[in-house]
Each structure stands twice: as structure tokens, then as C-alpha cells.
Amino acid sequence: MDILLKHKAYYFAAKRVVSLWHQGSLEKAYLEYLLKKHAGLEAKS
């Protein structure tokens, strides 16, 4: 999953998908975690 999020198109598509999911779902929480983790890694580079 981290490899996919390195590509801007996949990253922004994942952000769009997560914005449509219901609040409080486990899947949404996990994807938000991965997006935040990836954004932090990108800022360090």
C-alpha cells in the first residue's frame, strides 16, 4: 500500500475515497493512518 501512495494519482484517489466513507469505520481509520504516515514520510524526503 505504501508503494501505491508514493504516486500522486493514487494518493489523491485514496484521499477522495476515504472522504466518502462513513465516519468511524475501521477501514477509514486505517486508510487515514496510512495517508498521514505517507505524508509524513514525504515531508522528510
PDB file of N, CA and C in Angstrom:
ATOM      1  N   MET A   1       0.818  -1.181   0.000  1.00  0.00           N
ATOM      2  CA  MET A   1       0.000   0.000   0.000  1.00  0.00           C
ATOM      3  C   MET A   1       0.865   1.250   0.000  1.00  0.00           C
ATOM      4  N   ASP A   2       1.949   1.224   0.753  1.00  0.00           N
ATOM      5  CA  ASP A   2       2.827   2.392   0.795  1.00  0.00           C
ATOM      6  C   ASP A   2       3.388   2.721  -0.584  1.00  0.00           C
ATOM      7  N   ILE A   3       3.688   1.685  -1.356  1.00  0.00           N
ATOM      8  CA  ILE A   3       4.241   1.904  -2.696  1.00  0.00           C
ATOM      9  C   ILE A   3       3.218   2.633  -3.575  1.00  0.00           C
ATOM     10  N   LEU A   4       1.963   2.236  -3.485  1.00  0.00           N
ATOM     11  CA  LEU A   4       0.923   2.905  -4.280  1.00  0.00           C
ATOM     12  C   LEU A   4       0.770   4.366  -3.876  1.00  0.00           C
ATOM     13  N   LEU A   5       0.847   4.636  -2.585  1.00  0.00           N
ATOM     14  CA  LEU A   5       0.633   6.003  -2.113  1.00  0.00           C
ATOM     15  C   LEU A   5       1.777   6.942  -2.479  1.00  0.00           C
ATOM     16  N   LYS A   6       2.896   6.402  -2.927  1.00  0.00           N
ATOM     17  CA  LYS A   6       4.002   7.253  -3.367  1.00  0.00           C
ATOM     18  C   LYS A   6       3.668   7.954  -4.683  1.00  0.00           C
ATOM     19  N   HIS A   7       2.745   7.403  -5.443  1.00  0.00           N
ATOM     20  CA  HIS A   7       2.323   8.023  -6.702  1.00  0.00           C
ATOM     21  C   HIS A   7       1.196   9.002  -6.402  1.00  0.00           C
ATOM     22  N   LYS A   8       1.355  10.237  -6.862  1.00  0.00           N
ATOM     23  CA  LYS A   8       0.396  11.294  -6.530  1.00  0.00           C
ATOM     24  C   LYS A   8      -1.026  10.945  -6.932  1.00  0.00           C
ATOM     25  N   ALA A   9      -1.199  10.327  -8.087  1.00  0.00           N
ATOM     26  CA  ALA A   9      -2.550   9.998  -8.550  1.00  0.00           C
ATOM     27  C   ALA A   9      -3.240   9.032  -7.592  1.00  0.00           C
ATOM     28  N   TYR A  10      -2.529   8.014  -7.144  1.00  0.00           N
ATOM     29  CA  TYR A  10      -3.101   7.047  -6.201  1.00  0.00           C
ATOM     30  C   TYR A  10      -3.328   7.679  -4.834  1.00  0.00           C
ATOM     31  N   TYR A  11      -2.407   8.528  -4.418  1.00  0.00           N
ATOM     32  CA  TYR A  11      -2.529   9.199  -3.126  1.00  0.00           C
ATOM     33  C   TYR A  11      -3.799  10.046  -3.083  1.00  0.00           C
ATOM     34  N   PHE A  12      -4.012  10.864  -4.113  1.00  0.00           N
ATOM     35  CA  PHE A  12      -5.187  11.731  -4.127  1.00  0.00           C
ATOM     36  C   PHE A  12      -6.476  10.940  -4.351  1.00  0.00           C
ATOM     37  N   ALA A  13      -6.393   9.851  -5.100  1.00  0.00           N
ATOM     38  CA  ALA A  13      -7.570   8.988  -5.259  1.00  0.00           C
ATOM     39  C   ALA A  13      -7.945   8.352  -3.921  1.00  0.00           C
ATOM     40  N   ALA A  14      -6.952   7.930  -3.165  1.00  0.00           N
ATOM     41  CA  ALA A  14      -7.224   7.342  -1.852  1.00  0.00           C
ATOM     42  C   ALA A  14      -7.818   8.377  -0.911  1.00  0.00           C
ATOM     43  N   LYS A  15      -7.331   9.614  -0.977  1.00  0.00           N
ATOM     44  CA  LYS A  15      -7.905  10.678  -0.145  1.00  0.00           C
ATOM     45  C   LYS A  15      -9.364  10.920  -0.517  1.00  0.00           C
ATOM     46  N   ARG A  16      -9.684  10.853  -1.789  1.00  0.00           N
ATOM     47  CA  ARG A  16     -11.062  11.055  -2.240  1.00  0.00           C
ATOM     48  C   ARG A  16     -11.958   9.918  -1.742  1.00  0.00           C
ATOM     49  N   VAL A  17     -11.480   8.702  -1.864  1.00  0.00           N
ATOM     50  CA  VAL A  17     -12.252   7.541  -1.416  1.00  0.00           C
ATOM     51  C   VAL A  17     -12.510   7.622   0.082  1.00  0.00           C
ATOM     52  N   VAL A  18     -11.483   7.940   0.851  1.00  0.00           N
ATOM     53  CA  VAL A  18     -11.650   7.981   2.300  1.00  0.00           C
ATOM     54  C   VAL A  18     -12.620   9.097   2.711  1.00  0.00           C
ATOM     55  N   SER A  19     -12.701  10.145   1.924  1.00  0.00           N
ATOM     56  CA  SER A  19     -13.634  11.224   2.260  1.00  0.00           C
ATOM     57  C   SER A  19     -15.086  10.789   2.079  1.00  0.00           C
ATOM     58  N   LEU A  20     -15.313   9.749   1.291  1.00  0.00           N
ATOM     59  CA  LEU A  20     -16.672   9.271   1.040  1.00  0.00           C
ATOM     60  C   LEU A  20     -17.126   8.198   2.020  1.00  0.00           C
ATOM     61  N   TRP A  21     -16.203   7.589   2.744  1.00  0.00           N
ATOM     62  CA  TRP A  21     -16.549   6.511   3.671  1.00  0.00           C
ATOM     63  C   TRP A  21     -17.184   7.058   4.932  1.00  0.00           C
ATOM     64  N   HIS A  22     -17.963   6.224   5.583  1.00  0.00           N
ATOM     65  CA  HIS A  22     -18.631   6.599   6.830  1.00  0.00           C
ATOM     66  C   HIS A  22     -17.609   6.825   7.934  1.00  0.00           C
ATOM     67  N   GLN A  23     -17.877   7.835   8.740  1.00  0.00           N
ATOM     68  CA  GLN A  23     -17.007   8.122   9.884  1.00  0.00           C
ATOM     69  C   GLN A  23     -17.064   6.965  10.878  1.00  0.00           C
ATOM     70  N   GLY A  24     -15.934   6.617  11.435  1.00  0.00           N
ATOM     71  CA  GLY A  24     -15.895   5.584  12.454  1.00  0.00           C
ATOM     72  C   GLY A  24     -15.643   4.174  11.949  1.00  0.00           C
ATOM     73  N   SER A  25     -15.522   3.989  10.645  1.00  0.00           N
ATOM     74  CA  SER A  25     -15.261   2.633  10.151  1.00  0.00           C
ATOM     75  C   SER A  25     -13.775   2.302  10.315  1.00  0.00           C
ATOM     76  N   LEU A  26     -13.499   1.053  10.553  1.00  0.00           N
ATOM     77  CA  LEU A  26     -12.125   0.602  10.738  1.00  0.00           C
ATOM     78  C   LEU A  26     -11.297   0.826   9.472  1.00  0.00           C
ATOM     79  N   GLU A  27     -11.891   0.562   8.330  1.00  0.00           N
ATOM     80  CA  GLU A  27     -11.185   0.742   7.058  1.00  0.00           C
ATOM     81  C   GLU A  27     -10.779   2.193   6.860  1.00  0.00           C
ATOM     82  N   LYS A  28     -11.714   3.108   7.188  1.00  0.00           N
ATOM     83  CA  LYS A  28     -11.416   4.528   7.030  1.00  0.00           C
ATOM     84  C   LYS A  28     -10.298   4.945   7.969  1.00  0.00           C
ATOM     85  N   ALA A  29     -10.348   4.482   9.194  1.00  0.00           N
ATOM     86  CA  ALA A  29      -9.303   4.826  10.162  1.00  0.00           C
ATOM     87  C   ALA A  29      -7.936   4.323   9.687  1.00  0.00           C
ATOM     88  N   TYR A  30      -7.893   3.110   9.158  1.00  0.00           N
ATOM     89  CA  TYR A  30      -6.629   2.547   8.696  1.00  0.00           C
ATOM     90  C   TYR A  30      -6.093   3.303   7.482  1.00  0.00           C
ATOM     91  N   LEU A  31      -6.951   3.618   6.540  1.00  0.00           N
ATOM     92  CA  LEU A  31      -6.504   4.344   5.356  1.00  0.00           C
ATOM     93  C   LEU A  31      -6.064   5.756   5.727  1.00  0.00           C
ATOM     94  N   GLU A  32      -6.755   6.402   6.652  1.00  0.00           N
ATOM     95  CA  GLU A  32      -6.324   7.725   7.112  1.00  0.00           C
ATOM     96  C   GLU A  32      -4.954   7.638   7.776  1.00  0.00           C
ATOM     97  N   TYR A  33      -4.736   6.583   8.552  1.00  0.00           N
ATOM     98  CA  TYR A  33      -3.427   6.370   9.177  1.00  0.00           C
ATOM     99  C   TYR A  33      -2.340   6.246   8.105  1.00  0.00           C
ATOM    100  N   LEU A  34      -2.592   5.449   7.085  1.00  0.00           N
ATOM    101  CA  LEU A  34      -1.597   5.270   6.025  1.00  0.00           C
ATOM    102  C   LEU A  34      -1.341   6.577   5.277  1.00  0.00           C
ATOM    103  N   LEU A  35      -2.391   7.351   5.026  1.00  0.00           N
ATOM    104  CA  LEU A  35      -2.222   8.624   4.330  1.00  0.00           C
ATOM    105  C   LEU A  35      -1.388   9.595   5.164  1.00  0.00           C
ATOM    106  N   LYS A  36      -1.653   9.645   6.468  1.00  0.00           N
ATOM    107  CA  LYS A  36      -0.875  10.533   7.339  1.00  0.00           C
ATOM    108  C   LYS A  36       0.567  10.063   7.436  1.00  0.00           C
ATOM    109  N   LYS A  37       0.756   8.767   7.523  1.00  0.00           N
ATOM    110  CA  LYS A  37       2.103   8.195   7.588  1.00  0.00           C
ATOM    111  C   LYS A  37       2.872   8.537   6.313  1.00  0.00           C
ATOM    112  N   HIS A  38       2.223   8.388   5.173  1.00  0.00           N
ATOM    113  CA  HIS A  38       2.879   8.674   3.904  1.00  0.00           C
ATOM    114  C   HIS A  38       3.188  10.163   3.781  1.00  0.00           C
ATOM    115  N   ALA A  39       2.272  11.014   4.197  1.00  0.00           N
ATOM    116  CA  ALA A  39       2.507  12.459   4.115  1.00  0.00           C
ATOM    117  C   ALA A  39       3.698  12.842   4.981  1.00  0.00           C
ATOM    118  N   GLY A  40       3.846  12.217   6.131  1.00  0.00           N
ATOM    119  CA  GLY A  40       4.987  12.486   6.999  1.00  0.00           C
ATOM    120  C   GLY A  40       6.296  12.034   6.389  1.00  0.00           C
ATOM    121  N   LEU A  41       6.272  10.891   5.736  1.00  0.00           N
ATOM    122  CA  LEU A  41       7.481  10.378   5.087  1.00  0.00           C
ATOM    123  C   LEU A  41       7.876  11.265   3.917  1.00  0.00           C
ATOM    124  N   GLU A  42       6.895  11.762   3.181  1.00  0.00           N
ATOM    125  CA  GLU A  42       7.168  12.615   2.032  1.00  0.00           C
ATOM    126  C   GLU A  42       7.775  13.947   2.477  1.00  0.00           C
ATOM    127  N   ALA A  43       7.308  14.470   3.601  1.00  0.00           N
ATOM    128  CA  ALA A  43       7.831  15.744   4.106  1.00  0.00           C
ATOM    129  C   ALA A  43       9.287  15.621   4.541  1.00  0.00           C
ATOM    130  N   LYS A  44       9.687  14.447   5.032  1.00  0.00           N
ATOM    131  CA  LYS A  44      11.065  14.233   5.464  1.00  0.00           C
ATOM    132  C   LYS A  44      12.036  14.103   4.307  1.00  0.00           C
ATOM    133  N   SER A  45      11.539  13.699   3.147  1.00  0.00           N
ATOM    134  CA  SER A  45      12.411  13.469   1.979  1.00  0.00           C
ATOM    135  C   SER A  45      12.898  14.767   1.377  1.00  0.00           C
TER     136      SER A  45
END
